[in-house]
Amino acid sequence: MGSGIMKKLRSGLVLIVGLMSGFASAQDFNRLEGWSLGAGYSDTDYSASLGGFSITEDAGSGLRLETTYNFNGFAALKASYENNTKDELKGHTLKAGGELGYSYVLSDGSFIKPYIEVGYANHRIEGTTTTQKVNESAAFGGAGIRFSTNYGFYVDFGADRSKMDGVNVTQLSATFGMKF
């Protein structure tokens, strides 16, 4: 009777360990998938060439909000909103696009993902002391790197550029967020 109970306990223990191992590996895989939401810092510069001269203007810094849906460790859809101000300029940027990269999973379960991104951006620029406004859309391209902890938090650093009617818009960002 004692050995029957021991066999059942051993079988139960093997079953529990097997299920937990499967659950843990499913968590490792799913950690690279799903929604994330972040907020952070954005900096914008405008540059143009006029008559052979290059002009660059700091358009200010401000808040960035972003959401990303990761299909896997390689591909994701991303949307962001940036609100930048400086002196007499106020800018808003809304972006939607995709990113491709490779997630390097580290031994502690966190990962690093360098990526490239492309998409479409709408830039609105307003003067705070005048009624002048610019509202244009253009394709953008960029690159970045994201570090995600095994607890679901991430830090993302990125840079992208779009060109509208001879004006280049360059935006740098640093975002802190959480994966859900």
C-alpha atoms as a PDB file:
ATOM      1  CA  MET A   1       0.000   0.000   0.000  1.00  0.00           C
ATOM      2  CA  GLY A   2       2.877   2.418   0.744  1.00  0.00           C
ATOM      3  CA  SER A   3       4.513   1.844  -2.649  1.00  0.00           C
ATOM      4  CA  GLY A   4       1.200   2.515  -4.488  1.00  0.00           C
ATOM      5  CA  ILE A   5       0.912   5.908  -2.824  1.00  0.00           C
ATOM      6  CA  MET A   6       4.537   6.671  -3.647  1.00  0.00           C
ATOM      7  CA  LYS A   7       3.941   5.766  -7.334  1.00  0.00           C
ATOM      8  CA  LYS A   8       0.914   8.062  -7.424  1.00  0.00           C
ATOM      9  CA  LEU A   9       2.844  10.865  -5.738  1.00  0.00           C
ATOM     10  CA  ARG A  10       5.731  10.452  -8.175  1.00  0.00           C
ATOM     11  CA  SER A  11       3.351  10.370 -11.144  1.00  0.00           C
ATOM     12  CA  GLY A  12       1.556  13.446  -9.831  1.00  0.00           C
ATOM     13  CA  LEU A  13       4.846  15.257  -9.264  1.00  0.00           C
ATOM     14  CA  VAL A  14       6.049  14.390 -12.789  1.00  0.00           C
ATOM     15  CA  LEU A  15       2.744  15.621 -14.212  1.00  0.00           C
ATOM     16  CA  ILE A  16       2.890  18.910 -12.253  1.00  0.00           C
ATOM     17  CA  VAL A  17       6.529  19.548 -13.217  1.00  0.00           C
ATOM     18  CA  GLY A  18       5.720  18.754 -16.852  1.00  0.00           C
ATOM     19  CA  LEU A  19       2.746  21.128 -16.879  1.00  0.00           C
ATOM     20  CA  MET A  20       4.748  23.882 -15.176  1.00  0.00           C
ATOM     21  CA  SER A  21       7.583  23.464 -17.677  1.00  0.00           C
ATOM     22  CA  GLY A  22       5.133  23.744 -20.568  1.00  0.00           C
ATOM     23  CA  PHE A  23       3.543  26.807 -18.970  1.00  0.00           C
ATOM     24  CA  ALA A  24       6.949  28.416 -18.414  1.00  0.00           C
ATOM     25  CA  SER A  25       8.018  27.875 -22.024  1.00  0.00           C
ATOM     26  CA  ALA A  26       4.650  29.240 -23.208  1.00  0.00           C
ATOM     27  CA  GLN A  27       5.296  32.329 -21.089  1.00  0.00           C
ATOM     28  CA  ASP A  28       8.755  32.723 -22.643  1.00  0.00           C
ATOM     29  CA  PHE A  29       7.225  32.632 -26.106  1.00  0.00           C
ATOM     30  CA  ASN A  30       4.259  34.882 -25.280  1.00  0.00           C
ATOM     31  CA  ARG A  31       6.502  37.479 -23.666  1.00  0.00           C
ATOM     32  CA  LEU A  32       7.517  38.490 -27.197  1.00  0.00           C
ATOM     33  CA  GLU A  33       3.873  38.855 -28.291  1.00  0.00           C
ATOM     34  CA  GLY A  34       1.019  41.178 -27.391  1.00  0.00           C
ATOM     35  CA  TRP A  35       0.280  44.824 -26.603  1.00  0.00           C
ATOM     36  CA  SER A  36       2.535  47.359 -24.941  1.00  0.00           C
ATOM     37  CA  LEU A  37       1.889  50.942 -23.917  1.00  0.00           C
ATOM     38  CA  GLY A  38       4.498  53.603 -23.169  1.00  0.00           C
ATOM     39  CA  ALA A  39       5.163  57.272 -22.523  1.00  0.00           C
ATOM     40  CA  GLY A  40       8.314  59.321 -22.692  1.00  0.00           C
ATOM     41  CA  TYR A  41      10.350  62.129 -24.202  1.00  0.00           C
ATOM     42  CA  SER A  42      10.456  63.359 -27.798  1.00  0.00           C
ATOM     43  CA  ASP A  43      12.707  65.887 -29.554  1.00  0.00           C
ATOM     44  CA  THR A  44      12.038  67.299 -33.039  1.00  0.00           C
ATOM     45  CA  ASP A  45      14.258  69.120 -35.564  1.00  0.00           C
ATOM     46  CA  TYR A  46      13.304  70.596 -38.933  1.00  0.00           C
ATOM     47  CA  SER A  47      15.878  71.000 -41.689  1.00  0.00           C
ATOM     48  CA  ALA A  48      15.719  72.320 -45.250  1.00  0.00           C
ATOM     49  CA  SER A  49      17.993  73.399 -48.090  1.00  0.00           C
ATOM     50  CA  LEU A  50      17.318  76.814 -49.552  1.00  0.00           C
ATOM     51  CA  GLY A  51      19.519  78.194 -52.329  1.00  0.00           C
ATOM     52  CA  GLY A  52      22.396  75.877 -51.435  1.00  0.00           C
ATOM     53  CA  PHE A  53      22.227  76.708 -47.732  1.00  0.00           C
ATOM     54  CA  SER A  54      21.215  74.168 -45.153  1.00  0.00           C
ATOM     55  CA  ILE A  55      18.952  75.379 -42.362  1.00  0.00           C
ATOM     56  CA  THR A  56      18.234  73.381 -39.199  1.00  0.00           C
ATOM     57  CA  GLU A  57      15.741  74.489 -36.575  1.00  0.00           C
ATOM     58  CA  ASP A  58      15.133  72.923 -33.174  1.00  0.00           C
ATOM     59  CA  ALA A  59      11.374  72.501 -32.956  1.00  0.00           C
ATOM     60  CA  GLY A  60      11.373  71.619 -29.293  1.00  0.00           C
ATOM     61  CA  SER A  61      10.822  68.676 -27.038  1.00  0.00           C
ATOM     62  CA  GLY A  62       7.816  67.211 -25.338  1.00  0.00           C
ATOM     63  CA  LEU A  63       5.680  64.202 -24.568  1.00  0.00           C
ATOM     64  CA  ARG A  64       5.494  60.974 -26.555  1.00  0.00           C
ATOM     65  CA  LEU A  65       2.793  58.313 -26.169  1.00  0.00           C
ATOM     66  CA  GLU A  66       3.014  55.008 -27.999  1.00  0.00           C
ATOM     67  CA  THR A  67       1.344  51.649 -28.328  1.00  0.00           C
ATOM     68  CA  THR A  68       2.745  48.576 -30.045  1.00  0.00           C
ATOM     69  CA  TYR A  69       1.314  45.199 -30.951  1.00  0.00           C
ATOM     70  CA  ASN A  70       4.062  42.573 -31.266  1.00  0.00           C
ATOM     71  CA  PHE A  71       3.076  39.616 -33.429  1.00  0.00           C
ATOM     72  CA  ASN A  72       6.236  37.735 -32.440  1.00  0.00           C
ATOM     73  CA  GLY A  73       9.896  38.523 -31.770  1.00  0.00           C
ATOM     74  CA  PHE A  74      10.319  39.947 -35.293  1.00  0.00           C
ATOM     75  CA  ALA A  75       7.333  42.021 -36.490  1.00  0.00           C
ATOM     76  CA  ALA A  76       5.107  44.606 -34.830  1.00  0.00           C
ATOM     77  CA  LEU A  77       2.589  47.350 -35.577  1.00  0.00           C
ATOM     78  CA  LYS A  78       3.188  50.660 -33.848  1.00  0.00           C
ATOM     79  CA  ALA A  79       1.302  53.931 -33.355  1.00  0.00           C
ATOM     80  CA  SER A  80       2.522  57.056 -31.561  1.00  0.00           C
ATOM     81  CA  TYR A  81       1.630  60.649 -30.764  1.00  0.00           C
ATOM     82  CA  GLU A  82       4.215  63.353 -30.067  1.00  0.00           C
ATOM     83  CA  ASN A  83       3.564  66.863 -28.758  1.00  0.00           C
ATOM     84  CA  ASN A  84       6.585  69.204 -28.963  1.00  0.00           C
ATOM     85  CA  THR A  85       6.861  72.885 -28.099  1.00  0.00           C
ATOM     86  CA  LYS A  86       9.583  75.503 -28.220  1.00  0.00           C
ATOM     87  CA  ASP A  87       9.301  79.272 -27.961  1.00  0.00           C
ATOM     88  CA  GLU A  88       6.784  80.189 -30.653  1.00  0.00           C
ATOM     89  CA  LEU A  89       6.369  76.735 -32.210  1.00  0.00           C
ATOM     90  CA  LYS A  90       3.975  73.990 -31.241  1.00  0.00           C
ATOM     91  CA  GLY A  91       4.071  70.671 -33.098  1.00  0.00           C
ATOM     92  CA  HIS A  92       1.964  67.528 -33.054  1.00  0.00           C
ATOM     93  CA  THR A  93       2.869  64.303 -34.823  1.00  0.00           C
ATOM     94  CA  LEU A  94       0.703  61.223 -35.247  1.00  0.00           C
ATOM     95  CA  LYS A  95       2.398  58.122 -36.669  1.00  0.00           C
ATOM     96  CA  ALA A  96       1.291  54.638 -37.681  1.00  0.00           C
ATOM     97  CA  GLY A  97       3.638  52.008 -39.039  1.00  0.00           C
ATOM     98  CA  GLY A  98       5.400  48.735 -38.604  1.00  0.00           C
ATOM     99  CA  GLU A  99       8.712  47.561 -37.247  1.00  0.00           C
ATOM    100  CA  LEU A 100      10.979  44.639 -38.075  1.00  0.00           C
ATOM    101  CA  GLY A 101      13.772  43.443 -35.843  1.00  0.00           C
ATOM    102  CA  TYR A 102      15.174  40.488 -33.979  1.00  0.00           C
ATOM    103  CA  SER A 103      14.668  39.905 -30.257  1.00  0.00           C
ATOM    104  CA  TYR A 104      17.816  38.637 -28.556  1.00  0.00           C
ATOM    105  CA  VAL A 105      16.601  36.805 -25.442  1.00  0.00           C
ATOM    106  CA  LEU A 106      19.042  37.035 -22.531  1.00  0.00           C
ATOM    107  CA  SER A 107      19.608  34.371 -19.866  1.00  0.00           C
ATOM    108  CA  ASP A 108      17.430  36.137 -17.276  1.00  0.00           C
ATOM    109  CA  GLY A 109      14.428  36.232 -19.656  1.00  0.00           C
ATOM    110  CA  SER A 110      14.774  39.875 -20.656  1.00  0.00           C
ATOM    111  CA  PHE A 111      15.493  40.750 -24.283  1.00  0.00           C
ATOM    112  CA  ILE A 112      17.039  43.376 -26.544  1.00  0.00           C
ATOM    113  CA  LYS A 113      15.446  44.160 -29.902  1.00  0.00           C
ATOM    114  CA  PRO A 114      17.172  46.389 -32.468  1.00  0.00           C
ATOM    115  CA  TYR A 115      14.637  47.299 -35.161  1.00  0.00           C
ATOM    116  CA  ILE A 116      13.885  49.340 -38.250  1.00  0.00           C
ATOM    117  CA  GLU A 117      10.525  50.998 -38.766  1.00  0.00           C
ATOM    118  CA  VAL A 118       8.539  52.482 -41.632  1.00  0.00           C
ATOM    119  CA  GLY A 119       5.142  54.098 -41.732  1.00  0.00           C
ATOM    120  CA  TYR A 120       3.101  57.207 -42.317  1.00  0.00           C
ATOM    121  CA  ALA A 121       3.229  60.388 -40.232  1.00  0.00           C
ATOM    122  CA  ASN A 122       1.018  63.454 -40.002  1.00  0.00           C
ATOM    123  CA  HIS A 123       2.840  66.574 -38.777  1.00  0.00           C
ATOM    124  CA  ARG A 124       0.955  69.657 -37.592  1.00  0.00           C
ATOM    125  CA  ILE A 125       3.005  72.727 -36.785  1.00  0.00           C
ATOM    126  CA  GLU A 126       1.481  75.904 -35.379  1.00  0.00           C
ATOM    127  CA  GLY A 127       2.866  79.272 -34.406  1.00  0.00           C
ATOM    128  CA  THR A 128       1.843  80.263 -30.884  1.00  0.00           C
ATOM    129  CA  THR A 129       1.951  84.011 -31.680  1.00  0.00           C
ATOM    130  CA  THR A 130       0.659  83.830 -35.276  1.00  0.00           C
ATOM    131  CA  THR A 131      -2.126  82.068 -37.130  1.00  0.00           C
ATOM    132  CA  GLN A 132       0.292  80.204 -39.413  1.00  0.00           C
ATOM    133  CA  LYS A 133      -0.236  76.442 -39.546  1.00  0.00           C
ATOM    134  CA  VAL A 134       1.302  73.563 -41.463  1.00  0.00           C
ATOM    135  CA  ASN A 135      -0.536  70.246 -41.697  1.00  0.00           C
ATOM    136  CA  GLU A 136       1.225  67.674 -43.891  1.00  0.00           C
ATOM    137  CA  SER A 137       1.634  63.935 -44.073  1.00  0.00           C
ATOM    138  CA  ALA A 138       4.526  61.859 -45.373  1.00  0.00           C
ATOM    139  CA  ALA A 139       6.148  58.459 -45.152  1.00  0.00           C
ATOM    140  CA  PHE A 140       8.811  58.020 -42.479  1.00  0.00           C
ATOM    141  CA  GLY A 141      11.649  55.604 -41.811  1.00  0.00           C
ATOM    142  CA  GLY A 142      13.714  55.046 -38.715  1.00  0.00           C
ATOM    143  CA  ALA A 143      15.566  52.720 -36.386  1.00  0.00           C
ATOM    144  CA  GLY A 144      15.665  52.020 -32.682  1.00  0.00           C
ATOM    145  CA  ILE A 145      16.484  49.618 -29.903  1.00  0.00           C
ATOM    146  CA  ARG A 146      14.236  48.282 -27.150  1.00  0.00           C
ATOM    147  CA  PHE A 147      15.287  46.642 -23.884  1.00  0.00           C
ATOM    148  CA  SER A 148      12.512  44.661 -22.168  1.00  0.00           C
ATOM    149  CA  THR A 149      12.756  43.110 -18.729  1.00  0.00           C
ATOM    150  CA  ASN A 150      11.252  39.756 -17.887  1.00  0.00           C
ATOM    151  CA  TYR A 151       8.788  41.684 -15.648  1.00  0.00           C
ATOM    152  CA  GLY A 152       7.135  43.352 -18.665  1.00  0.00           C
ATOM    153  CA  PHE A 153       8.744  46.810 -18.446  1.00  0.00           C
ATOM    154  CA  TYR A 154      10.659  48.238 -21.397  1.00  0.00           C
ATOM    155  CA  VAL A 155      12.818  51.183 -22.445  1.00  0.00           C
ATOM    156  CA  ASP A 156      12.870  52.177 -26.115  1.00  0.00           C
ATOM    157  CA  PHE A 157      15.228  54.595 -27.886  1.00  0.00           C
ATOM    158  CA  GLY A 158      14.396  55.554 -31.480  1.00  0.00           C
ATOM    159  CA  ALA A 159      15.046  58.015 -34.278  1.00  0.00           C
ATOM    160  CA  ASP A 160      13.095  58.574 -37.472  1.00  0.00           C
ATOM    161  CA  ARG A 161      12.923  60.985 -40.383  1.00  0.00           C
ATOM    162  CA  SER A 162      10.245  62.051 -42.835  1.00  0.00           C
ATOM    163  CA  LYS A 163      10.421  64.482 -45.752  1.00  0.00           C
ATOM    164  CA  MET A 164       7.593  66.892 -46.582  1.00  0.00           C
ATOM    165  CA  ASP A 165       7.861  69.398 -49.445  1.00  0.00           C
ATOM    166  CA  GLY A 166      11.611  69.841 -49.060  1.00  0.00           C
ATOM    167  CA  VAL A 167      11.566  69.908 -45.255  1.00  0.00           C
ATOM    168  CA  ASN A 168      13.075  67.017 -43.296  1.00  0.00           C
ATOM    169  CA  VAL A 169      11.510  66.262 -39.928  1.00  0.00           C
ATOM    170  CA  THR A 170      13.810  64.315 -37.589  1.00  0.00           C
ATOM    171  CA  GLN A 171      12.441  63.005 -34.309  1.00  0.00           C
ATOM    172  CA  LEU A 172      14.325  61.336 -31.460  1.00  0.00           C
ATOM    173  CA  SER A 173      12.535  59.580 -28.614  1.00  0.00           C
ATOM    174  CA  ALA A 174      13.070  57.766 -25.343  1.00  0.00           C
ATOM    175  CA  THR A 175      10.082  55.832 -24.045  1.00  0.00           C
ATOM    176  CA  PHE A 176       9.362  53.815 -20.892  1.00  0.00           C
ATOM    177  CA  GLY A 177       6.451  51.403 -20.934  1.00  0.00           C
ATOM    178  CA  MET A 178       4.896  48.088 -20.042  1.00  0.00           C
ATOM    179  CA  LYS A 179       3.825  45.026 -21.992  1.00  0.00           C
ATOM    180  CA  PHE A 180       0.390  43.596 -21.263  1.00  0.00           C
END
